[in-house]
Amino acid sequence: MLEERLAKTDAILTAIGGRLTEEDARRLILKKLYDLVEAELNRYLNAEKRALVRIVENFWDKYAVSSRQLEAERSETLKTLDGFLQGLGYLGEGDGRKKR
């Protein structure tokens, strides 16, 4: 039984080109290590890319405001402020801020 298995193994090795040399074994081991390191590095880089994209998207959502929208909000705020100041007596009816 054991001799049959050894004969089959030898036949398989002969069919694939014989036994591996030390140099071939070293090359295969280094290739395997390279593939593992490359896969881990790509996994890490992809995680970092996703985190960076989330940060940029968050900033975009937070700060992407048109100048027209900012000016409109500013005008509304100034109108409200002028109303408060008139109510408190700091501004007369004609003493409003210059309209911009």
C-alpha atoms as a PDB file:
ATOM      1  CA  MET A   1       0.000   0.000   0.000  1.00  0.00           C
ATOM      2  CA  LEU A   2       2.694   2.487   0.999  1.00  0.00           C
ATOM      3  CA  GLU A   3       4.851   1.500  -1.953  1.00  0.00           C
ATOM      4  CA  GLU A   4       1.906   2.100  -4.305  1.00  0.00           C
ATOM      5  CA  ARG A   5       1.377   5.588  -2.875  1.00  0.00           C
ATOM      6  CA  LEU A   6       5.066   6.384  -3.219  1.00  0.00           C
ATOM      7  CA  ALA A   7       5.002   5.141  -6.809  1.00  0.00           C
ATOM      8  CA  LYS A   8       1.982   7.353  -7.541  1.00  0.00           C
ATOM      9  CA  THR A   9       3.682  10.318  -5.930  1.00  0.00           C
ATOM     10  CA  ASP A  10       6.840   9.719  -7.971  1.00  0.00           C
ATOM     11  CA  ALA A  11       4.713   9.431 -11.120  1.00  0.00           C
ATOM     12  CA  ILE A  12       2.993  12.726 -10.348  1.00  0.00           C
ATOM     13  CA  LEU A  13       6.327  14.431  -9.691  1.00  0.00           C
ATOM     14  CA  THR A  14       7.718  13.070 -12.934  1.00  0.00           C
ATOM     15  CA  ALA A  15       4.617  14.257 -14.809  1.00  0.00           C
ATOM     16  CA  ILE A  16       4.993  17.808 -13.487  1.00  0.00           C
ATOM     17  CA  GLY A  17       8.684  18.004 -14.187  1.00  0.00           C
ATOM     18  CA  GLY A  18      10.331  16.265 -11.282  1.00  0.00           C
ATOM     19  CA  ARG A  19      11.109  17.345  -7.783  1.00  0.00           C
ATOM     20  CA  LEU A  20      11.444  20.995  -6.906  1.00  0.00           C
ATOM     21  CA  THR A  21      14.934  22.343  -6.638  1.00  0.00           C
ATOM     22  CA  GLU A  22      15.879  24.426  -3.642  1.00  0.00           C
ATOM     23  CA  GLU A  23      15.793  27.542  -5.843  1.00  0.00           C
ATOM     24  CA  ASP A  24      12.309  26.674  -7.154  1.00  0.00           C
ATOM     25  CA  ALA A  25      11.067  26.067  -3.598  1.00  0.00           C
ATOM     26  CA  ARG A  26      12.567  29.400  -2.476  1.00  0.00           C
ATOM     27  CA  ARG A  27      10.890  31.177  -5.404  1.00  0.00           C
ATOM     28  CA  LEU A  28       7.513  29.587  -4.642  1.00  0.00           C
ATOM     29  CA  ILE A  29       7.751  30.479  -0.958  1.00  0.00           C
ATOM     30  CA  LEU A  30       8.717  34.079  -1.741  1.00  0.00           C
ATOM     31  CA  LYS A  31       5.888  34.316  -4.283  1.00  0.00           C
ATOM     32  CA  LYS A  32       3.418  33.073  -1.666  1.00  0.00           C
ATOM     33  CA  LEU A  33       4.732  35.568   0.908  1.00  0.00           C
ATOM     34  CA  TYR A  34       4.590  38.378  -1.664  1.00  0.00           C
ATOM     35  CA  ASP A  35       0.975  37.510  -2.510  1.00  0.00           C
ATOM     36  CA  LEU A  36       0.009  37.477   1.186  1.00  0.00           C
ATOM     37  CA  VAL A  37       1.715  40.809   1.880  1.00  0.00           C
ATOM     38  CA  GLU A  38       0.211  42.387  -1.242  1.00  0.00           C
ATOM     39  CA  ALA A  39      -3.297  41.217  -0.301  1.00  0.00           C
ATOM     40  CA  GLU A  40      -2.926  42.565   3.245  1.00  0.00           C
ATOM     41  CA  LEU A  41      -1.525  45.881   2.006  1.00  0.00           C
ATOM     42  CA  ASN A  42      -4.384  46.262  -0.495  1.00  0.00           C
ATOM     43  CA  ARG A  43      -6.907  45.481   2.239  1.00  0.00           C
ATOM     44  CA  TYR A  44      -5.348  48.142   4.466  1.00  0.00           C
ATOM     45  CA  LEU A  45      -5.145  50.727   1.662  1.00  0.00           C
ATOM     46  CA  ASN A  46      -8.760  50.136   0.630  1.00  0.00           C
ATOM     47  CA  ALA A  47      -9.902  50.634   4.228  1.00  0.00           C
ATOM     48  CA  GLU A  48      -7.933  53.895   4.404  1.00  0.00           C
ATOM     49  CA  LYS A  49      -9.376  55.046   1.058  1.00  0.00           C
ATOM     50  CA  ARG A  50     -12.908  54.375   2.295  1.00  0.00           C
ATOM     51  CA  ALA A  51     -12.220  56.333   5.494  1.00  0.00           C
ATOM     52  CA  LEU A  52     -10.783  59.250   3.518  1.00  0.00           C
ATOM     53  CA  VAL A  53     -13.769  59.298   1.152  1.00  0.00           C
ATOM     54  CA  ARG A  54     -16.137  59.342   4.156  1.00  0.00           C
ATOM     55  CA  ILE A  55     -14.249  62.317   5.625  1.00  0.00           C
ATOM     56  CA  VAL A  56     -14.332  64.257   2.343  1.00  0.00           C
ATOM     57  CA  GLU A  57     -18.025  63.484   1.827  1.00  0.00           C
ATOM     58  CA  ASN A  58     -18.757  64.637   5.371  1.00  0.00           C
ATOM     59  CA  PHE A  59     -16.923  67.928   4.770  1.00  0.00           C
ATOM     60  CA  TRP A  60     -18.725  68.352   1.458  1.00  0.00           C
ATOM     61  CA  ASP A  61     -22.113  67.806   3.066  1.00  0.00           C
ATOM     62  CA  LYS A  62     -21.222  70.145   5.909  1.00  0.00           C
ATOM     63  CA  TYR A  63     -19.636  73.031   3.974  1.00  0.00           C
ATOM     64  CA  ALA A  64     -21.052  72.850   0.434  1.00  0.00           C
ATOM     65  CA  VAL A  65     -23.187  75.999   0.504  1.00  0.00           C
ATOM     66  CA  SER A  66     -23.588  78.393  -2.402  1.00  0.00           C
ATOM     67  CA  SER A  67     -22.680  82.045  -1.989  1.00  0.00           C
ATOM     68  CA  ARG A  68     -26.264  83.028  -2.914  1.00  0.00           C
ATOM     69  CA  GLN A  69     -27.602  80.902  -0.096  1.00  0.00           C
ATOM     70  CA  LEU A  70     -25.108  82.441   2.328  1.00  0.00           C
ATOM     71  CA  GLU A  71     -26.060  85.975   1.191  1.00  0.00           C
ATOM     72  CA  ALA A  72     -29.770  85.215   1.525  1.00  0.00           C
ATOM     73  CA  GLU A  73     -29.279  83.851   5.044  1.00  0.00           C
ATOM     74  CA  ARG A  74     -27.145  86.904   5.913  1.00  0.00           C
ATOM     75  CA  SER A  75     -29.869  89.260   4.684  1.00  0.00           C
ATOM     76  CA  GLU A  76     -32.506  87.455   6.726  1.00  0.00           C
ATOM     77  CA  THR A  77     -30.299  87.555   9.807  1.00  0.00           C
ATOM     78  CA  LEU A  78     -29.659  91.285   9.348  1.00  0.00           C
ATOM     79  CA  LYS A  79     -33.397  91.968   8.976  1.00  0.00           C
ATOM     80  CA  THR A  80     -34.074  90.037  12.166  1.00  0.00           C
ATOM     81  CA  LEU A  81     -31.276  91.872  13.990  1.00  0.00           C
ATOM     82  CA  ASP A  82     -32.541  95.254  12.781  1.00  0.00           C
ATOM     83  CA  GLY A  83     -36.018  94.329  14.039  1.00  0.00           C
ATOM     84  CA  PHE A  84     -34.615  93.501  17.478  1.00  0.00           C
ATOM     85  CA  LEU A  85     -32.535  96.684  17.581  1.00  0.00           C
ATOM     86  CA  GLN A  86     -35.550  98.815  16.600  1.00  0.00           C
ATOM     87  CA  GLY A  87     -37.620  97.070  19.225  1.00  0.00           C
ATOM     88  CA  LEU A  88     -35.004  97.916  21.838  1.00  0.00           C
ATOM     89  CA  GLY A  89     -34.832 101.517  20.639  1.00  0.00           C
ATOM     90  CA  TYR A  90     -31.283 101.411  19.274  1.00  0.00           C
ATOM     91  CA  LEU A  91     -32.419 102.054  15.701  1.00  0.00           C
ATOM     92  CA  GLY A  92     -35.046 104.505  14.576  1.00  0.00           C
ATOM     93  CA  GLU A  93     -37.435 103.750  11.743  1.00  0.00           C
ATOM     94  CA  GLY A  94     -35.086 105.244   9.123  1.00  0.00           C
ATOM     95  CA  ASP A  95     -31.826 104.206  10.791  1.00  0.00           C
ATOM     96  CA  GLY A  96     -31.734 100.731   9.309  1.00  0.00           C
ATOM     97  CA  ARG A  97     -28.564  99.297   7.860  1.00  0.00           C
ATOM     98  CA  LYS A  98     -27.708  99.964   4.258  1.00  0.00           C
ATOM     99  CA  LYS A  99     -29.402  97.461   2.023  1.00  0.00           C
ATOM    100  CA  ARG A 100     -26.892  95.278   0.241  1.00  0.00           C
END
